[in-house]
Amino acid sequence: MKIMYSIIKHQKTYFNSNKRELSPLTLKVIAADIQMDISTISRATNGKYVQLPWGCIELKSFFSEGVLTRDNKLISNT
């Protein structure tokens, strides 16, 4: 539950809009947020899914590196 609450906190654009745009997010950010080791976050999210009103989504899909656009906006590489 801690991991999912942290994902929701860091992916507000995805959960609060119809665009479903992911923000860059790494396991390290979640681990620091809930004060656990990165390997624990990785094991806890591996092969796990969350049921949302718009479908069943793998937890690992919420994690991605960031890419800078030409206008210096940081977006998810997915």
PDB file of N, CA and C in Angstrom:
ATOM      1  N   MET A   1       0.819  -1.191   0.000  1.00  0.00           N
ATOM      2  CA  MET A   1       0.000   0.000   0.000  1.00  0.00           C
ATOM      3  C   MET A   1       0.864   1.257   0.000  1.00  0.00           C
ATOM      4  N   LYS A   2       1.959   1.235   0.751  1.00  0.00           N
ATOM      5  CA  LYS A   2       2.835   2.402   0.795  1.00  0.00           C
ATOM      6  C   LYS A   2       3.380   2.732  -0.588  1.00  0.00           C
ATOM      7  N   ILE A   3       3.753   1.689  -1.322  1.00  0.00           N
ATOM      8  CA  ILE A   3       4.308   1.891  -2.663  1.00  0.00           C
ATOM      9  C   ILE A   3       3.257   2.505  -3.578  1.00  0.00           C
ATOM     10  N   MET A   4       2.054   1.983  -3.556  1.00  0.00           N
ATOM     11  CA  MET A   4       1.003   2.489  -4.441  1.00  0.00           C
ATOM     12  C   MET A   4       0.631   3.921  -4.082  1.00  0.00           C
ATOM     13  N   TYR A   5       0.542   4.245  -2.809  1.00  0.00           N
ATOM     14  CA  TYR A   5       0.261   5.627  -2.411  1.00  0.00           C
ATOM     15  C   TYR A   5       1.354   6.570  -2.902  1.00  0.00           C
ATOM     16  N   SER A   6       2.601   6.129  -2.831  1.00  0.00           N
ATOM     17  CA  SER A   6       3.709   6.954  -3.296  1.00  0.00           C
ATOM     18  C   SER A   6       3.663   7.118  -4.819  1.00  0.00           C
ATOM     19  N   ILE A   7       3.333   6.056  -5.534  1.00  0.00           N
ATOM     20  CA  ILE A   7       3.205   6.155  -6.996  1.00  0.00           C
ATOM     21  C   ILE A   7       2.121   7.165  -7.352  1.00  0.00           C
ATOM     22  N   ILE A   8       0.982   7.076  -6.690  1.00  0.00           N
ATOM     23  CA  ILE A   8      -0.116   8.019  -6.955  1.00  0.00           C
ATOM     24  C   ILE A   8       0.330   9.450  -6.673  1.00  0.00           C
ATOM     25  N   LYS A   9       1.062   9.645  -5.579  1.00  0.00           N
ATOM     26  CA  LYS A   9       1.545  10.979  -5.213  1.00  0.00           C
ATOM     27  C   LYS A   9       2.469  11.553  -6.288  1.00  0.00           C
ATOM     28  N   HIS A  10       3.311  10.698  -6.879  1.00  0.00           N
ATOM     29  CA  HIS A  10       4.284  11.160  -7.864  1.00  0.00           C
ATOM     30  C   HIS A  10       3.754  11.152  -9.304  1.00  0.00           C
ATOM     31  N   GLN A  11       2.651  10.499  -9.549  1.00  0.00           N
ATOM     32  CA  GLN A  11       2.078  10.439 -10.901  1.00  0.00           C
ATOM     33  C   GLN A  11       0.711  11.127 -10.945  1.00  0.00           C
ATOM     34  N   LYS A  12       0.620  12.298 -10.361  1.00  0.00           N
ATOM     35  CA  LYS A  12      -0.656  13.017 -10.276  1.00  0.00           C
ATOM     36  C   LYS A  12      -1.276  13.274 -11.640  1.00  0.00           C
ATOM     37  N   THR A  13      -0.477  13.628 -12.629  1.00  0.00           N
ATOM     38  CA  THR A  13      -1.004  13.901 -13.967  1.00  0.00           C
ATOM     39  C   THR A  13      -1.686  12.663 -14.539  1.00  0.00           C
ATOM     40  N   TYR A  14      -1.115  11.510 -14.309  1.00  0.00           N
ATOM     41  CA  TYR A  14      -1.688  10.267 -14.831  1.00  0.00           C
ATOM     42  C   TYR A  14      -3.027   9.948 -14.175  1.00  0.00           C
ATOM     43  N   PHE A  15      -3.107  10.120 -12.884  1.00  0.00           N
ATOM     44  CA  PHE A  15      -4.312   9.741 -12.147  1.00  0.00           C
ATOM     45  C   PHE A  15      -5.396  10.823 -12.119  1.00  0.00           C
ATOM     46  N   ASN A  16      -5.028  12.087 -12.295  1.00  0.00           N
ATOM     47  CA  ASN A  16      -5.989  13.175 -12.155  1.00  0.00           C
ATOM     48  C   ASN A  16      -6.430  13.830 -13.454  1.00  0.00           C
ATOM     49  N   SER A  17      -6.017  13.301 -14.605  1.00  0.00           N
ATOM     50  CA  SER A  17      -6.441  13.885 -15.872  1.00  0.00           C
ATOM     51  C   SER A  17      -6.814  12.774 -16.844  1.00  0.00           C
ATOM     52  N   ASN A  18      -7.442  13.160 -17.913  1.00  0.00           N
ATOM     53  CA  ASN A  18      -7.816  12.180 -18.936  1.00  0.00           C
ATOM     54  C   ASN A  18      -6.681  11.870 -19.898  1.00  0.00           C
ATOM     55  N   LYS A  19      -5.580  12.624 -19.820  1.00  0.00           N
ATOM     56  CA  LYS A  19      -4.458  12.431 -20.732  1.00  0.00           C
ATOM     57  C   LYS A  19      -3.662  11.168 -20.433  1.00  0.00           C
ATOM     58  N   ARG A  20      -3.623  10.735 -19.187  1.00  0.00           N
ATOM     59  CA  ARG A  20      -2.861   9.569 -18.753  1.00  0.00           C
ATOM     60  C   ARG A  20      -1.378   9.702 -19.121  1.00  0.00           C
ATOM     61  N   GLU A  21      -0.815  10.880 -18.857  1.00  0.00           N
ATOM     62  CA  GLU A  21       0.602  11.118 -19.121  1.00  0.00           C
ATOM     63  C   GLU A  21       1.421  10.782 -17.883  1.00  0.00           C
ATOM     64  N   LEU A  22       2.456   9.965 -18.065  1.00  0.00           N
ATOM     65  CA  LEU A  22       3.337   9.607 -16.963  1.00  0.00           C
ATOM     66  C   LEU A  22       4.427  10.649 -16.791  1.00  0.00           C
ATOM     67  N   SER A  23       4.781  10.906 -15.564  1.00  0.00           N
ATOM     68  CA  SER A  23       5.930  11.748 -15.244  1.00  0.00           C
ATOM     69  C   SER A  23       7.126  10.824 -15.051  1.00  0.00           C
ATOM     70  N   PRO A  24       8.337  11.341 -15.273  1.00  0.00           N
ATOM     71  CA  PRO A  24       9.508  10.510 -14.996  1.00  0.00           C
ATOM     72  C   PRO A  24       9.511  10.083 -13.535  1.00  0.00           C
ATOM     73  N   LEU A  25       9.748   8.812 -13.287  1.00  0.00           N
ATOM     74  CA  LEU A  25       9.730   8.286 -11.922  1.00  0.00           C
ATOM     75  C   LEU A  25      10.626   7.060 -11.867  1.00  0.00           C
ATOM     76  N   THR A  26      11.469   7.007 -10.861  1.00  0.00           N
ATOM     77  CA  THR A  26      12.361   5.863 -10.699  1.00  0.00           C
ATOM     78  C   THR A  26      12.071   5.147  -9.383  1.00  0.00           C
ATOM     79  N   LEU A  27      12.540   3.926  -9.297  1.00  0.00           N
ATOM     80  CA  LEU A  27      12.405   3.158  -8.064  1.00  0.00           C
ATOM     81  C   LEU A  27      13.079   3.879  -6.901  1.00  0.00           C
ATOM     82  N   LYS A  28      14.170   4.573  -7.211  1.00  0.00           N
ATOM     83  CA  LYS A  28      14.926   5.291  -6.188  1.00  0.00           C
ATOM     84  C   LYS A  28      14.080   6.375  -5.518  1.00  0.00           C
ATOM     85  N   VAL A  29      13.257   7.071  -6.293  1.00  0.00           N
ATOM     86  CA  VAL A  29      12.397   8.128  -5.750  1.00  0.00           C
ATOM     87  C   VAL A  29      11.369   7.534  -4.789  1.00  0.00           C
ATOM     88  N   ILE A  30      10.754   6.429  -5.199  1.00  0.00           N
ATOM     89  CA  ILE A  30       9.761   5.775  -4.341  1.00  0.00           C
ATOM     90  C   ILE A  30      10.429   5.246  -3.077  1.00  0.00           C
ATOM     91  N   ALA A  31      11.598   4.637  -3.241  1.00  0.00           N
ATOM     92  CA  ALA A  31      12.324   4.093  -2.090  1.00  0.00           C
ATOM     93  C   ALA A  31      12.653   5.181  -1.076  1.00  0.00           C
ATOM     94  N   ALA A  32      13.094   6.322  -1.549  1.00  0.00           N
ATOM     95  CA  ALA A  32      13.405   7.430  -0.645  1.00  0.00           C
ATOM     96  C   ALA A  32      12.139   7.967   0.014  1.00  0.00           C
ATOM     97  N   ASP A  33      11.058   8.017  -0.753  1.00  0.00           N
ATOM     98  CA  ASP A  33       9.802   8.558  -0.228  1.00  0.00           C
ATOM     99  C   ASP A  33       9.243   7.716   0.916  1.00  0.00           C
ATOM    100  N   ILE A  34       9.309   6.403   0.787  1.00  0.00           N
ATOM    101  CA  ILE A  34       8.734   5.547   1.833  1.00  0.00           C
ATOM    102  C   ILE A  34       9.802   4.904   2.719  1.00  0.00           C
ATOM    103  N   GLN A  35      11.035   5.352   2.557  1.00  0.00           N
ATOM    104  CA  GLN A  35      12.161   4.931   3.386  1.00  0.00           C
ATOM    105  C   GLN A  35      12.366   3.420   3.379  1.00  0.00           C
ATOM    106  N   MET A  36      12.474   2.875   2.176  1.00  0.00           N
ATOM    107  CA  MET A  36      12.788   1.461   1.989  1.00  0.00           C
ATOM    108  C   MET A  36      13.907   1.345   0.958  1.00  0.00           C
ATOM    109  N   ASP A  37      14.490   0.178   0.861  1.00  0.00           N
ATOM    110  CA  ASP A  37      15.556  -0.062  -0.095  1.00  0.00           C
ATOM    111  C   ASP A  37      14.986  -0.201  -1.506  1.00  0.00           C
ATOM    112  N   ILE A  38      15.772   0.213  -2.496  1.00  0.00           N
ATOM    113  CA  ILE A  38      15.353   0.113  -3.897  1.00  0.00           C
ATOM    114  C   ILE A  38      15.026  -1.328  -4.271  1.00  0.00           C
ATOM    115  N   SER A  39      15.814  -2.276  -3.791  1.00  0.00           N
ATOM    116  CA  SER A  39      15.572  -3.682  -4.133  1.00  0.00           C
ATOM    117  C   SER A  39      14.234  -4.168  -3.581  1.00  0.00           C
ATOM    118  N   THR A  40      13.822  -3.639  -2.451  1.00  0.00           N
ATOM    119  CA  THR A  40      12.520  -3.993  -1.882  1.00  0.00           C
ATOM    120  C   THR A  40      11.397  -3.484  -2.775  1.00  0.00           C
ATOM    121  N   ILE A  41      11.538  -2.264  -3.262  1.00  0.00           N
ATOM    122  CA  ILE A  41      10.533  -1.684  -4.161  1.00  0.00           C
ATOM    123  C   ILE A  41      10.475  -2.498  -5.450  1.00  0.00           C
ATOM    124  N   SER A  42      11.627  -2.862  -5.964  1.00  0.00           N
ATOM    125  CA  SER A  42      11.680  -3.650  -7.192  1.00  0.00           C
ATOM    126  C   SER A  42      10.984  -5.001  -7.024  1.00  0.00           C
ATOM    127  N   ARG A  43      11.295  -5.706  -5.949  1.00  0.00           N
ATOM    128  CA  ARG A  43      10.663  -7.017  -5.709  1.00  0.00           C
ATOM    129  C   ARG A  43       9.163  -6.889  -5.474  1.00  0.00           C
ATOM    130  N   ALA A  44       8.764  -5.851  -4.768  1.00  0.00           N
ATOM    131  CA  ALA A  44       7.346  -5.679  -4.439  1.00  0.00           C
ATOM    132  C   ALA A  44       6.507  -5.300  -5.659  1.00  0.00           C
ATOM    133  N   THR A  45       7.113  -4.682  -6.661  1.00  0.00           N
ATOM    134  CA  THR A  45       6.359  -4.274  -7.848  1.00  0.00           C
ATOM    135  C   THR A  45       6.491  -5.258  -9.002  1.00  0.00           C
ATOM    136  N   ASN A  46       7.428  -6.182  -8.903  1.00  0.00           N
ATOM    137  CA  ASN A  46       7.656  -7.134  -9.987  1.00  0.00           C
ATOM    138  C   ASN A  46       6.486  -8.109 -10.132  1.00  0.00           C
ATOM    139  N   GLY A  47       5.871  -8.110 -11.307  1.00  0.00           N
ATOM    140  CA  GLY A  47       4.772  -9.023 -11.583  1.00  0.00           C
ATOM    141  C   GLY A  47       3.459  -8.660 -10.911  1.00  0.00           C
ATOM    142  N   LYS A  48       3.372  -7.437 -10.375  1.00  0.00           N
ATOM    143  CA  LYS A  48       2.153  -6.988  -9.698  1.00  0.00           C
ATOM    144  C   LYS A  48       1.382  -6.026 -10.597  1.00  0.00           C
ATOM    145  N   TYR A  49       0.065  -6.060 -10.472  1.00  0.00           N
ATOM    146  CA  TYR A  49      -0.818  -5.206 -11.265  1.00  0.00           C
ATOM    147  C   TYR A  49      -1.768  -4.466 -10.341  1.00  0.00           C
ATOM    148  N   VAL A  50      -2.295  -3.354 -10.836  1.00  0.00           N
ATOM    149  CA  VAL A  50      -3.305  -2.599 -10.105  1.00  0.00           C
ATOM    150  C   VAL A  50      -4.525  -2.456 -11.017  1.00  0.00           C
ATOM    151  N   GLN A  51      -5.703  -2.698 -10.448  1.00  0.00           N
ATOM    152  CA  GLN A  51      -6.948  -2.554 -11.197  1.00  0.00           C
ATOM    153  C   GLN A  51      -7.426  -1.116 -11.080  1.00  0.00           C
ATOM    154  N   LEU A  52      -7.532  -0.433 -12.209  1.00  0.00           N
ATOM    155  CA  LEU A  52      -8.000   0.946 -12.256  1.00  0.00           C
ATOM    156  C   LEU A  52      -9.270   1.007 -13.087  1.00  0.00           C
ATOM    157  N   PRO A  53     -10.046   2.072 -12.988  1.00  0.00           N
ATOM    158  CA  PRO A  53     -11.278   2.161 -13.774  1.00  0.00           C
ATOM    159  C   PRO A  53     -11.051   2.037 -15.284  1.00  0.00           C
ATOM    160  N   TRP A  54      -9.847   2.388 -15.766  1.00  0.00           N
ATOM    161  CA  TRP A  54      -9.561   2.338 -17.201  1.00  0.00           C
ATOM    162  C   TRP A  54      -8.747   1.110 -17.602  1.00  0.00           C
ATOM    163  N   GLY A  55      -8.530   0.185 -16.677  1.00  0.00           N
ATOM    164  CA  GLY A  55      -7.859  -1.065 -17.020  1.00  0.00           C
ATOM    165  C   GLY A  55      -6.934  -1.570 -15.939  1.00  0.00           C
ATOM    166  N   CYS A  56      -6.361  -2.719 -16.197  1.00  0.00           N
ATOM    167  CA  CYS A  56      -5.420  -3.355 -15.287  1.00  0.00           C
ATOM    168  C   CYS A  56      -4.009  -2.979 -15.752  1.00  0.00           C
ATOM    169  N   ILE A  57      -3.232  -2.346 -14.887  1.00  0.00           N
ATOM    170  CA  ILE A  57      -1.931  -1.798 -15.254  1.00  0.00           C
ATOM    171  C   ILE A  57      -0.837  -2.443 -14.404  1.00  0.00           C
ATOM    172  N   GLU A  58       0.260  -2.840 -15.050  1.00  0.00           N
ATOM    173  CA  GLU A  58       1.408  -3.385 -14.325  1.00  0.00           C
ATOM    174  C   GLU A  58       2.097  -2.258 -13.556  1.00  0.00           C
ATOM    175  N   LEU A  59       2.443  -2.505 -12.297  1.00  0.00           N
ATOM    176  CA  LEU A  59       3.082  -1.476 -11.474  1.00  0.00           C
ATOM    177  C   LEU A  59       4.389  -0.983 -12.076  1.00  0.00           C
ATOM    178  N   LYS A  60       5.147  -1.860 -12.706  1.00  0.00           N
ATOM    179  CA  LYS A  60       6.423  -1.464 -13.308  1.00  0.00           C
ATOM    180  C   LYS A  60       6.239  -0.426 -14.410  1.00  0.00           C
ATOM    181  N   SER A  61       5.043  -0.359 -15.000  1.00  0.00           N
ATOM    182  CA  SER A  61       4.821   0.594 -16.088  1.00  0.00           C
ATOM    183  C   SER A  61       4.790   2.044 -15.599  1.00  0.00           C
ATOM    184  N   PHE A  62       4.674   2.267 -14.302  1.00  0.00           N
ATOM    185  CA  PHE A  62       4.672   3.627 -13.769  1.00  0.00           C
ATOM    186  C   PHE A  62       6.081   4.199 -13.629  1.00  0.00           C
ATOM    187  N   PHE A  63       7.091   3.372 -13.813  1.00  0.00           N
ATOM    188  CA  PHE A  63       8.476   3.806 -13.656  1.00  0.00           C
ATOM    189  C   PHE A  63       9.127   3.998 -15.019  1.00  0.00           C
ATOM    190  N   SER A  64       9.734   5.170 -15.201  1.00  0.00           N
ATOM    191  CA  SER A  64      10.458   5.445 -16.437  1.00  0.00           C
ATOM    192  C   SER A  64      11.459   6.569 -16.198  1.00  0.00           C
ATOM    193  N   GLU A  65      12.446   6.624 -17.036  1.00  0.00           N
ATOM    194  CA  GLU A  65      13.430   7.701 -16.973  1.00  0.00           C
ATOM    195  C   GLU A  65      12.862   8.933 -17.656  1.00  0.00           C
ATOM    196  N   GLY A  66      13.460  10.074 -17.394  1.00  0.00           N
ATOM    197  CA  GLY A  66      13.007  11.316 -18.000  1.00  0.00           C
ATOM    198  C   GLY A  66      13.813  11.679 -19.233  1.00  0.00           C
ATOM    199  N   VAL A  67      13.178  12.400 -20.144  1.00  0.00           N
ATOM    200  CA  VAL A  67      13.806  12.888 -21.364  1.00  0.00           C
ATOM    201  C   VAL A  67      13.479  14.372 -21.479  1.00  0.00           C
ATOM    202  N   LEU A  68      14.499  15.179 -21.797  1.00  0.00           N
ATOM    203  CA  LEU A  68      14.273  16.611 -21.988  1.00  0.00           C
ATOM    204  C   LEU A  68      13.804  16.869 -23.413  1.00  0.00           C
ATOM    205  N   THR A  69      12.743  17.665 -23.546  1.00  0.00           N
ATOM    206  CA  THR A  69      12.264  18.046 -24.875  1.00  0.00           C
ATOM    207  C   THR A  69      13.021  19.285 -25.338  1.00  0.00           C
ATOM    208  N   ARG A  70      12.758  19.699 -26.558  1.00  0.00           N
ATOM    209  CA  ARG A  70      13.441  20.884 -27.098  1.00  0.00           C
ATOM    210  C   ARG A  70      13.129  22.146 -26.310  1.00  0.00           C
ATOM    211  N   ASP A  71      11.956  22.197 -25.687  1.00  0.00           N
ATOM    212  CA  ASP A  71      11.595  23.367 -24.884  1.00  0.00           C
ATOM    213  C   ASP A  71      11.939  23.171 -23.403  1.00  0.00           C
ATOM    214  N   ASN A  72      12.889  22.260 -23.137  1.00  0.00           N
ATOM    215  CA  ASN A  72      13.414  21.985 -21.796  1.00  0.00           C
ATOM    216  C   ASN A  72      12.364  21.485 -20.814  1.00  0.00           C
ATOM    217  N   LYS A  73      11.381  20.765 -21.289  1.00  0.00           N
ATOM    218  CA  LYS A  73      10.374  20.148 -20.429  1.00  0.00           C
ATOM    219  C   LYS A  73      10.793  18.700 -20.210  1.00  0.00           C
ATOM    220  N   LEU A  74      10.777  18.249 -18.956  1.00  0.00           N
ATOM    221  CA  LEU A  74      11.129  16.872 -18.632  1.00  0.00           C
ATOM    222  C   LEU A  74       9.877  15.993 -18.728  1.00  0.00           C
ATOM    223  N   ILE A  75       9.942  15.004 -19.618  1.00  0.00           N
ATOM    224  CA  ILE A  75       8.810  14.104 -19.804  1.00  0.00           C
ATOM    225  C   ILE A  75       9.284  12.661 -19.662  1.00  0.00           C
ATOM    226  N   SER A  76       8.350  11.760 -19.476  1.00  0.00           N
ATOM    227  CA  SER A  76       8.670  10.337 -19.375  1.00  0.00           C
ATOM    228  C   SER A  76       9.099   9.818 -20.743  1.00  0.00           C
ATOM    229  N   ASN A  77      10.054   8.901 -20.768  1.00  0.00           N
ATOM    230  CA  ASN A  77      10.491   8.348 -22.051  1.00  0.00           C
ATOM    231  C   ASN A  77       9.498   7.350 -22.629  1.00  0.00           C
ATOM    232  N   THR A  78       8.466   7.026 -21.893  1.00  0.00           N
ATOM    233  CA  THR A  78       7.429   6.138 -22.438  1.00  0.00           C
ATOM    234  C   THR A  78       6.324   6.967 -23.037  1.00  0.00           C
TER     235      THR A  78
END
